[in-house]
Protein backbone atom coordinates (compact mmCIF):
# COMPACT_ATOMS: atom_id res chain seq x y z
CA MET A 1 9.20 156.19 116.14
CA THR A 2 8.20 153.29 113.87
CA THR A 3 10.79 152.23 111.31
CA TRP A 4 9.23 151.15 108.04
CA HIS A 5 10.81 149.41 105.08
CA MET A 6 9.54 148.26 101.71
CA PRO A 7 10.60 144.71 100.89
CA SER A 8 11.73 143.72 97.43
CA GLU A 9 8.92 142.67 95.10
CA THR A 10 10.54 139.22 95.14
CA ALA A 11 9.72 138.75 98.84
CA PRO A 12 6.66 136.57 99.60
CA HIS A 13 3.24 138.08 98.88
CA THR A 14 -0.04 137.63 100.71
CA ARG A 15 -1.97 138.76 97.65
CA THR A 16 -2.10 141.21 94.76
CA TRP A 17 -4.59 144.10 94.65
CA MET A 18 -6.16 145.52 91.49
CA SER A 19 -8.99 147.86 90.45
CA PHE A 20 -11.44 146.90 87.72
CA PRO A 21 -11.93 149.50 84.96
CA ARG A 22 -14.94 151.76 85.03
CA PRO A 23 -16.40 153.64 82.05
CA GLY A 24 -14.63 156.86 81.16
CA ILE A 25 -11.99 158.40 78.92
CA THR A 26 -9.31 155.87 79.78
CA LEU A 27 -11.44 152.79 79.18
CA GLY A 28 -12.69 154.03 75.81
CA ALA A 29 -15.79 155.48 74.25
CA SER A 30 -17.06 152.58 72.16
CA ALA A 31 -18.51 149.31 73.40
CA ALA A 32 -15.71 147.44 71.62
CA GLU A 33 -13.03 149.51 73.36
CA GLN A 34 -14.66 148.95 76.72
CA ARG A 35 -14.90 145.19 76.21
CA ALA A 36 -11.24 145.10 75.18
CA GLY A 37 -10.25 146.97 78.34
CA TYR A 38 -12.31 144.74 80.60
CA ALA A 39 -10.83 141.65 78.97
CA ALA A 40 -7.25 142.91 79.35
CA TRP A 41 -7.65 143.62 83.09
CA ALA A 42 -9.36 140.26 83.58
CA ALA A 43 -6.58 138.41 81.75
CA VAL A 44 -3.94 139.93 84.03
CA ALA A 45 -6.00 139.10 87.13
CA ALA A 46 -6.38 135.48 85.98
CA ALA A 47 -2.65 135.13 85.33
CA VAL A 48 -1.77 136.53 88.75
CA ALA A 49 -4.41 134.36 90.46
CA ASP A 50 -2.67 131.25 89.14
CA PHE A 51 0.17 132.14 91.54
CA GLU A 52 -1.40 134.06 94.45
CA PRO A 53 -4.77 135.47 95.60
CA VAL A 54 -6.15 138.57 93.87
CA ARG A 55 -8.43 141.19 95.42
CA MET A 56 -10.18 143.45 92.94
CA LEU A 57 -11.82 146.78 93.76
CA VAL A 58 -14.97 147.13 91.67
CA ASP A 59 -16.91 150.35 91.28
CA PRO A 60 -20.70 149.83 91.36
CA GLU A 61 -20.84 151.25 87.83
CA ALA A 62 -18.67 148.37 86.60
CA ALA A 63 -20.15 145.57 88.71
CA GLY A 64 -21.93 143.88 85.83
CA ALA A 65 -18.86 143.90 83.59
CA ALA A 66 -16.76 142.53 86.45
CA ARG A 67 -19.12 139.62 86.96
CA GLU A 68 -19.01 138.90 83.24
CA HIS A 69 -15.23 139.04 82.80
CA LEU A 70 -13.56 138.03 86.07
CA ARG A 71 -12.76 134.45 86.96
CA GLY A 72 -14.67 133.04 89.92
CA ASP A 73 -11.62 132.70 92.19
CA ILE A 74 -10.89 136.44 92.12
CA GLU A 75 -12.23 138.21 95.21
CA THR A 76 -14.14 141.41 94.47
CA ILE A 77 -14.75 144.30 96.86
CA GLU A 78 -17.18 147.10 96.06
CA ALA A 79 -15.55 150.50 96.30
CA PRO A 80 -15.44 153.82 94.42
CA VAL A 81 -12.89 153.66 91.62
CA GLY A 82 -11.60 156.62 89.66
CA GLU A 83 -8.28 155.84 87.99
CA PHE A 84 -7.95 152.06 87.88
CA TRP A 85 -4.17 151.95 87.93
CA LEU A 86 -3.96 150.68 91.49
CA ARG A 87 -0.16 150.82 91.63
CA ASP A 88 -0.62 154.59 91.63
CA ALA A 89 -4.04 155.32 93.11
CA GLY A 90 -3.60 152.80 95.92
CA PRO A 91 -1.08 152.47 98.75
CA THR A 92 2.48 151.19 98.78
CA PHE A 93 2.82 148.37 101.31
CA VAL A 94 5.64 148.33 103.85
CA LEU A 95 6.64 146.40 106.99
CA ASP A 96 7.95 147.64 110.33
CA GLU A 97 10.77 146.16 112.39
CA ASP A 98 8.36 143.64 113.92
CA GLY A 99 6.92 142.60 110.56
CA ARG A 100 3.71 144.58 111.03
CA LEU A 101 2.03 145.61 107.77
CA GLY A 102 1.83 149.27 106.85
CA ALA A 103 0.46 151.09 103.81
CA VAL A 104 1.92 154.37 102.60
CA ASP A 105 -0.84 156.79 101.65
CA TRP A 106 0.85 159.04 99.10
CA VAL A 107 -0.97 162.08 97.80
CA PHE A 108 -2.36 161.10 94.40
CA ASN A 109 -3.28 163.93 92.03
CA GLY A 110 -3.67 162.12 88.73
CA TRP A 111 0.01 162.19 87.71
CA GLY A 112 0.16 165.96 87.92
CA ASP A 113 -3.51 167.01 87.94
CA HIS A 114 -4.22 166.36 84.26
CA ASP A 115 -7.61 167.53 83.01
CA TRP A 116 -8.46 164.03 81.81
CA ALA A 117 -7.58 162.24 85.07
CA ASP A 118 -10.47 161.13 87.31
CA TRP A 119 -8.32 161.11 90.44
CA ARG A 120 -10.64 162.80 92.93
CA ARG A 121 -12.68 159.61 93.28
CA ASP A 122 -9.49 157.95 94.55
CA ARG A 123 -8.81 160.24 97.49
CA ALA A 124 -9.77 157.47 99.92
CA THR A 125 -8.53 154.47 97.91
CA ALA A 126 -5.23 154.01 99.72
CA ARG A 127 -6.85 154.13 103.16
CA PHE A 128 -9.68 151.86 102.04
CA VAL A 129 -7.21 149.24 100.82
CA ALA A 130 -5.11 149.64 103.97
CA GLU A 131 -8.14 149.01 106.17
CA ARG A 132 -9.16 145.92 104.21
CA ALA A 133 -5.60 144.62 104.38
CA GLY A 134 -5.34 145.23 108.13
CA ALA A 135 -2.45 147.63 107.57
CA GLU A 136 -1.48 150.71 109.53
CA VAL A 137 -1.74 153.84 107.40
CA VAL A 138 1.58 155.64 106.91
CA SER A 139 0.56 159.15 105.87
CA SER A 140 2.70 161.15 103.47
CA ALA A 141 2.39 164.69 102.14
CA LEU A 142 4.43 163.77 99.06
CA VAL A 143 2.63 163.53 95.74
CA ASN A 144 3.93 160.22 94.47
CA GLU A 145 2.80 156.98 92.88
CA GLY A 146 3.83 153.36 93.27
CA GLY A 147 4.87 153.28 89.63
CA GLY A 148 7.39 156.03 90.36
CA ILE A 149 9.55 153.89 92.65
CA HIS A 150 11.39 150.58 92.65
CA VAL A 151 13.35 149.19 95.61
CA ASP A 152 15.77 146.33 96.19
CA GLY A 153 14.78 145.76 99.84
CA GLU A 154 18.27 146.69 101.02
CA GLY A 155 17.91 150.48 100.97
CA THR A 156 18.16 151.30 97.26
CA VAL A 157 15.31 153.15 95.53
CA LEU A 158 15.06 154.12 91.86
CA LEU A 159 13.45 157.51 91.21
CA THR A 160 13.05 159.88 88.26
CA ARG A 161 13.53 163.63 88.55
CA THR A 162 10.55 164.25 86.27
CA VAL A 163 8.17 162.51 88.68
CA GLN A 164 8.94 163.27 92.34
CA LEU A 165 10.32 166.70 91.42
CA ASP A 166 7.58 167.44 88.90
CA PRO A 167 6.28 170.98 89.58
CA ARG A 168 2.75 169.72 88.90
CA ARG A 169 3.19 167.24 91.73
CA ASN A 170 5.57 168.73 94.30
CA PRO A 171 6.31 172.32 93.21
CA ASP A 172 8.26 173.26 96.32
CA ALA A 173 10.06 169.98 97.02
CA THR A 174 13.82 169.57 96.86
CA ALA A 175 15.62 166.33 96.06
CA GLU A 176 16.79 166.20 99.66
CA GLN A 177 13.24 166.44 100.97
CA VAL A 178 12.08 163.66 98.64
CA GLU A 179 15.00 161.50 99.73
CA ALA A 180 14.15 162.06 103.39
CA GLU A 181 10.56 160.98 102.72
CA MET A 182 11.75 157.84 100.91
CA ALA A 183 13.84 156.98 103.97
CA ARG A 184 10.97 157.67 106.40
CA THR A 185 8.25 155.79 104.54
CA LEU A 186 10.15 153.05 102.68
CA GLY A 187 13.40 152.69 104.61
CA ALA A 188 15.13 153.52 101.33
CA THR A 189 18.22 155.48 102.27
CA HIS A 190 20.10 155.26 98.97
CA PRO A 191 18.27 157.03 96.11
CA VAL A 192 19.34 156.51 92.51
CA TRP A 193 17.93 159.39 90.47
CA LEU A 194 17.29 158.87 86.78
CA SER A 195 16.93 162.00 84.69
CA ARG A 196 13.67 161.04 82.97
CA GLY A 197 11.41 158.28 81.69
CA LEU A 198 10.42 157.10 78.22
CA TYR A 199 9.24 159.34 75.37
CA ARG A 200 5.55 158.38 75.14
CA ASP A 201 5.21 158.54 78.91
CA THR A 202 6.05 162.26 78.80
CA GLN A 203 3.22 163.05 76.38
CA GLU A 204 -0.28 164.27 77.26
CA PHE A 205 -1.64 161.00 78.64
CA GLY A 206 1.57 159.85 80.36
CA THR A 207 2.95 159.90 83.88
CA ASN A 208 5.94 162.11 82.99
CA GLY A 209 8.49 159.39 83.57
CA HIS A 210 7.51 156.47 85.80
CA VAL A 211 10.49 154.30 86.55
CA ASP A 212 8.52 151.03 86.47
CA ILE A 213 8.39 151.14 82.69
CA VAL A 214 12.11 151.95 82.45
CA ALA A 215 14.09 149.95 84.99
CA THR A 216 13.64 147.57 87.90
CA LEU A 217 15.79 145.78 90.49
CA PRO A 218 15.37 142.00 90.18
CA SER A 219 17.94 141.49 92.93
CA PRO A 220 20.38 143.71 94.85
CA GLY A 221 23.14 144.97 92.59
CA ARG A 222 21.29 144.17 89.34
CA VAL A 223 19.11 146.35 87.11
CA LEU A 224 16.80 145.28 84.30
CA LEU A 225 16.83 148.19 81.84
CA HIS A 226 14.43 148.80 78.98
CA THR A 227 16.43 149.10 75.76
CA GLN A 228 15.17 150.48 72.47
CA GLU A 229 17.21 149.06 69.57
CA ASP A 230 15.47 151.06 66.81
CA ALA A 231 17.76 154.04 66.19
CA GLU A 232 14.87 156.13 64.81
CA HIS A 233 12.79 155.74 67.99
CA PRO A 234 13.18 158.63 70.49
CA ASP A 235 13.73 156.06 73.25
CA HIS A 236 16.91 154.81 71.55
CA ALA A 237 18.85 157.86 72.72
CA ILE A 238 16.89 158.08 75.99
CA THR A 239 17.65 154.52 77.09
CA ALA A 240 21.30 154.87 76.08
CA ALA A 241 21.56 157.94 78.31
CA LEU A 242 19.80 156.13 81.17
CA ARG A 243 22.27 153.28 80.85
CA ARG A 244 25.15 155.74 81.27
CA GLU A 245 23.48 157.14 84.38
CA LEU A 246 23.12 153.67 85.89
CA GLU A 247 26.70 152.77 84.98
CA ALA A 248 27.83 155.74 87.09
CA ALA A 249 25.62 154.76 90.06
CA THR A 250 25.94 152.25 92.89
CA ASP A 251 23.44 150.49 95.13
CA ALA A 252 22.99 150.90 98.89
CA GLN A 253 25.87 148.50 99.54
CA GLY A 254 28.23 150.48 97.31
CA ARG A 255 28.18 147.94 94.47
CA PRO A 256 28.17 149.07 90.84
CA PHE A 257 25.08 147.80 89.06
CA GLU A 258 25.12 144.84 86.74
CA ILE A 259 22.87 146.08 83.95
CA LEU A 260 20.71 143.53 82.16
CA GLU A 261 19.20 144.88 78.97
CA LEU A 262 15.57 144.02 78.22
CA PRO A 263 15.03 145.01 74.56
CA ALA A 264 11.73 146.42 73.34
CA PRO A 265 9.70 144.51 70.76
CA ALA A 266 9.95 145.52 67.11
CA THR A 267 6.65 147.44 67.06
CA ALA A 268 7.67 151.08 67.24
CA ARG A 269 4.50 153.06 66.52
CA ASP A 270 0.75 152.95 66.83
CA ALA A 271 -1.81 155.13 65.04
CA GLU A 272 -0.88 158.14 67.19
CA ASP A 273 2.85 158.19 67.94
CA TRP A 274 5.89 156.21 68.98
CA VAL A 275 4.98 153.51 71.53
CA ASP A 276 6.85 152.64 74.71
CA TYR A 277 6.11 148.90 74.77
CA SER A 278 8.26 147.67 77.64
CA TYR A 279 8.91 144.24 79.13
CA VAL A 280 10.27 145.95 82.25
CA ASN A 281 6.68 146.60 83.34
CA HIS A 282 6.15 143.07 84.70
CA LEU A 283 4.88 141.86 88.08
CA VAL A 284 6.83 139.43 90.26
CA VAL A 285 4.46 137.02 92.03
CA ASN A 286 4.89 134.01 94.32
CA GLY A 287 6.83 131.52 92.25
CA GLY A 288 6.46 133.42 89.02
CA VAL A 289 6.61 136.53 86.87
CA VAL A 290 3.65 137.89 84.91
CA ALA A 291 5.17 139.54 81.85
CA CYS A 292 3.81 141.86 79.20
CA GLY A 293 3.40 140.46 75.71
CA PHE A 294 3.03 142.42 72.50
CA GLY A 295 1.96 139.87 69.92
CA GLU A 296 5.52 139.25 68.69
CA GLU A 297 6.40 135.62 69.28
CA ARG A 298 10.17 135.99 68.96
CA ALA A 299 10.45 139.18 71.04
CA ASP A 300 8.07 137.90 73.72
CA ALA A 301 10.07 134.65 73.96
CA ARG A 302 13.35 136.57 74.24
CA ALA A 303 11.87 138.64 77.08
CA ARG A 304 10.72 135.50 78.90
CA GLU A 305 14.23 134.07 78.64
CA ILE A 306 15.82 137.23 80.04
CA LEU A 307 13.28 137.40 82.86
CA SER A 308 13.78 133.71 83.67
CA ASP A 309 17.51 134.35 84.04
CA ALA A 310 16.89 137.46 86.15
CA TYR A 311 14.44 135.65 88.44
CA PRO A 312 15.79 132.09 88.72
CA GLY A 313 13.33 129.44 89.82
CA ARG A 314 10.23 131.43 88.80
CA GLU A 315 7.85 130.54 86.02
CA VAL A 316 7.45 133.39 83.52
CA VAL A 317 4.07 133.73 81.82
CA THR A 318 3.10 136.26 79.16
CA VAL A 319 -0.17 138.22 79.00
CA ASP A 320 -0.95 140.39 75.98
CA ALA A 321 -0.53 143.95 77.25
CA ARG A 322 -1.27 145.95 74.12
CA GLU A 323 -4.70 147.02 75.33
CA LEU A 324 -3.13 148.13 78.62
CA PHE A 325 -0.46 150.20 76.88
CA ALA A 326 -3.11 151.70 74.60
CA ARG A 327 -4.63 153.12 77.79
CA GLY A 328 -1.36 154.34 79.29
CA GLY A 329 0.41 151.57 81.21
CA GLY A 330 1.22 147.92 81.68
CA ILE A 331 0.88 144.97 84.03
CA HIS A 332 2.90 146.47 86.87
CA CYS A 333 0.86 149.67 86.66
CA ILE A 334 -2.49 147.96 87.30
CA THR A 335 -1.35 145.74 90.17
CA GLN A 336 -0.11 146.29 93.73
CA HIS A 337 1.53 143.49 95.68
CA GLU A 338 0.97 143.04 99.41
CA PRO A 339 3.95 141.47 101.21
CA VAL A 340 3.55 138.77 103.83
CA ALA A 341 3.53 140.32 107.30
CA GLY A 342 5.26 138.88 110.35
CA GLN A 343 8.78 138.77 111.76
CA ALA A 344 9.65 135.69 109.69
CA ALA A 345 8.92 137.63 106.51
CA VAL A 346 11.25 140.43 107.61
CA ARG A 347 14.07 138.03 108.38
CA GLN A 348 13.56 136.07 105.18
CA GLY A 349 13.25 138.93 102.71
CA GLY A 350 13.74 136.45 99.89
CA ALA A 351 11.86 134.83 97.08
CA ALA A 352 8.59 133.02 97.43
């Protein structure tokens, strides 16, 4: 039986995969909203491409916009695109004991089969990406998304009970069954369950608690935790409770976590509700970190400093993510990293 494991995001990448937005509810109804969405995705792709190759899935309906907005060094591949959050609609890449590339094909049902989600067009996305990457498909019957997990590469996986145990996703699953699937597909034998995600993410257009906007593992034994300092914001109490949960947990090696707080920017609301602007939703790339920015010079600079300390030796660059968050996610949500295959990559397991 093949043994798979998911390397840390800090391990060397071959490339990053993305999907270009297509017209629909998420992109926006007006021409101005659509242009803003296209520009935001293109800005992230350009920032990532400064560090490593980018492959972009482009639906035929969005081909013209992609040609207009994407930089020339970004490779495009025509494919059907429904929900253009590739972290979730696409596969999760893994390696076997010989360094062979695999791609976990989770069941994707639009974060719990929401009426607004155009997820049926993505039924073949994970397998399409796997084929183009030359990866073996690792099939899973678990409804799950890449934004619902974070690993340290040593067996630890962060999960949230409101995602993998969501009755709209896996109505009959037990925690033990989810944990067994994490071990089988990701080689993650030490689950750390968080009780929930952020406030806005539990509302109508959210994921019901993705961990990649809450906490991540920059290195074994360390957690970067989103912190809301505004006492009136619902996430103030939520992130304080999550910190207590992490303080009581250990990693796969039995170490208590060193918790590094990553404070939210000052902006607390938009025209609709409280916002969950989070610097945790960044992407680690070869030699760098592509971080979310929110138009606040001081807060964005503070986040870059914290991320630079958490990922020593990497250049941290900021991309304005407000248009991404207005549509339901951030930089990590729209990207999917592909690790370098080969035995050397397995042995190395370290930073690029």
